[in-house]
Amino acid sequence: MAEKDTQVNLAVYMERLDSYISSQNALNENLSKNLEKVETKVDDISQWRSKMYGMKSILLAMGILIVHTSAIMGSFVAIINFNK
């Protein structure tokens, strides 16, 4: 009788273990998919950030160019008006 109870308990344990393993595999697959989505979104944010830094650099360079051009043109106007 004890051997039969042990076999039944072992069968129940193995069935529960199989169920646990399959649920853990499903959970791991779901977590992997979600981590891949997060990684993709982080890459997208990183690319957007680098584009914004590039735009800021271009605007800064254009601002410096405008200020430099204004200074040069102002000096030309001053030289022309000084000789008159």
Protein backbone atom coordinates (compact mmCIF):
# COMPACT_ATOMS: atom_id res chain seq x y z
CA MET A 1 0.00 0.00 0.00
CA ALA A 2 2.81 2.43 0.87
CA GLU A 3 4.53 1.72 -2.44
CA LYS A 4 1.34 2.53 -4.35
CA ASP A 5 0.92 5.80 -2.41
CA THR A 6 4.52 6.70 -3.21
CA GLN A 7 3.95 6.05 -6.90
CA VAL A 8 0.79 8.18 -6.90
CA ASN A 9 2.54 10.98 -5.01
CA LEU A 10 5.48 10.78 -7.42
CA ALA A 11 3.14 10.95 -10.42
CA VAL A 12 1.36 13.98 -8.96
CA TYR A 13 4.69 15.62 -8.19
CA MET A 14 6.00 14.97 -11.73
CA GLU A 15 2.78 16.36 -13.25
CA ARG A 16 3.04 19.50 -11.14
CA LEU A 17 6.74 19.83 -11.99
CA ASP A 18 5.98 19.55 -15.71
CA SER A 19 3.28 22.20 -15.37
CA TYR A 20 5.66 24.47 -13.47
CA ILE A 21 8.41 24.02 -16.06
CA SER A 22 6.08 24.79 -18.96
CA SER A 23 4.73 27.90 -17.23
CA GLN A 24 8.28 29.08 -16.49
CA ASN A 25 9.25 28.55 -20.14
CA ALA A 26 6.25 30.62 -21.26
CA LEU A 27 7.17 33.32 -18.75
CA ASN A 28 10.80 33.35 -19.92
CA GLU A 29 9.73 33.69 -23.56
CA ASN A 30 7.39 36.55 -22.65
CA LEU A 31 10.14 38.31 -20.68
CA SER A 32 12.59 37.86 -23.56
CA LYS A 33 10.14 39.41 -26.03
CA ASN A 34 9.49 42.34 -23.71
CA LEU A 35 13.22 42.91 -23.14
CA GLU A 36 13.78 42.98 -26.90
CA LYS A 37 11.04 45.61 -27.23
CA VAL A 38 12.63 47.69 -24.47
CA GLU A 39 16.04 47.40 -26.11
CA THR A 40 14.57 48.56 -29.42
CA LYS A 41 12.91 51.53 -27.73
CA VAL A 42 16.15 52.47 -25.94
CA ASP A 43 17.98 52.34 -29.28
CA ASP A 44 15.31 54.58 -30.82
CA ILE A 45 15.65 57.08 -27.97
CA SER A 46 19.45 57.02 -28.30
CA GLN A 47 19.23 57.72 -32.03
CA TRP A 48 16.74 60.54 -31.45
CA ARG A 49 19.03 62.02 -28.81
CA SER A 50 22.05 61.93 -31.11
CA LYS A 51 19.98 63.60 -33.86
CA MET A 52 18.99 66.35 -31.42
CA TYR A 53 22.63 66.88 -30.42
CA GLY A 54 23.51 67.09 -34.11
CA MET A 55 20.81 69.70 -34.69
CA LYS A 56 22.01 71.74 -31.72
CA SER A 57 25.57 71.62 -33.06
CA ILE A 58 24.44 72.75 -36.50
CA LEU A 59 22.42 75.62 -35.01
CA LEU A 60 25.38 76.68 -32.87
CA ALA A 61 27.69 76.61 -35.90
CA MET A 62 25.21 78.66 -37.95
CA GLY A 63 24.89 81.17 -35.11
CA ILE A 64 28.64 81.58 -34.90
CA LEU A 65 28.80 81.96 -38.69
CA ILE A 66 26.11 84.67 -38.63
CA VAL A 67 27.87 86.56 -35.83
CA HIS A 68 31.21 86.26 -37.63
CA THR A 69 29.72 87.43 -40.94
CA SER A 70 28.05 90.37 -39.22
CA ALA A 71 31.33 91.38 -37.61
CA ILE A 72 33.21 91.17 -40.91
CA MET A 73 30.52 93.13 -42.82
CA GLY A 74 30.43 95.70 -40.02
CA SER A 75 34.18 96.18 -40.25
CA PHE A 76 33.93 96.63 -44.04
CA VAL A 77 31.22 99.26 -43.60
CA ALA A 78 33.32 101.01 -40.95
CA ILE A 79 36.38 101.05 -43.23
CA ILE A 80 34.37 102.41 -46.16
CA ASN A 81 32.72 105.11 -44.05
CA PHE A 82 36.03 106.03 -42.35
CA ASN A 83 37.68 106.95 -45.67
CA LYS A 84 34.81 109.21 -46.81
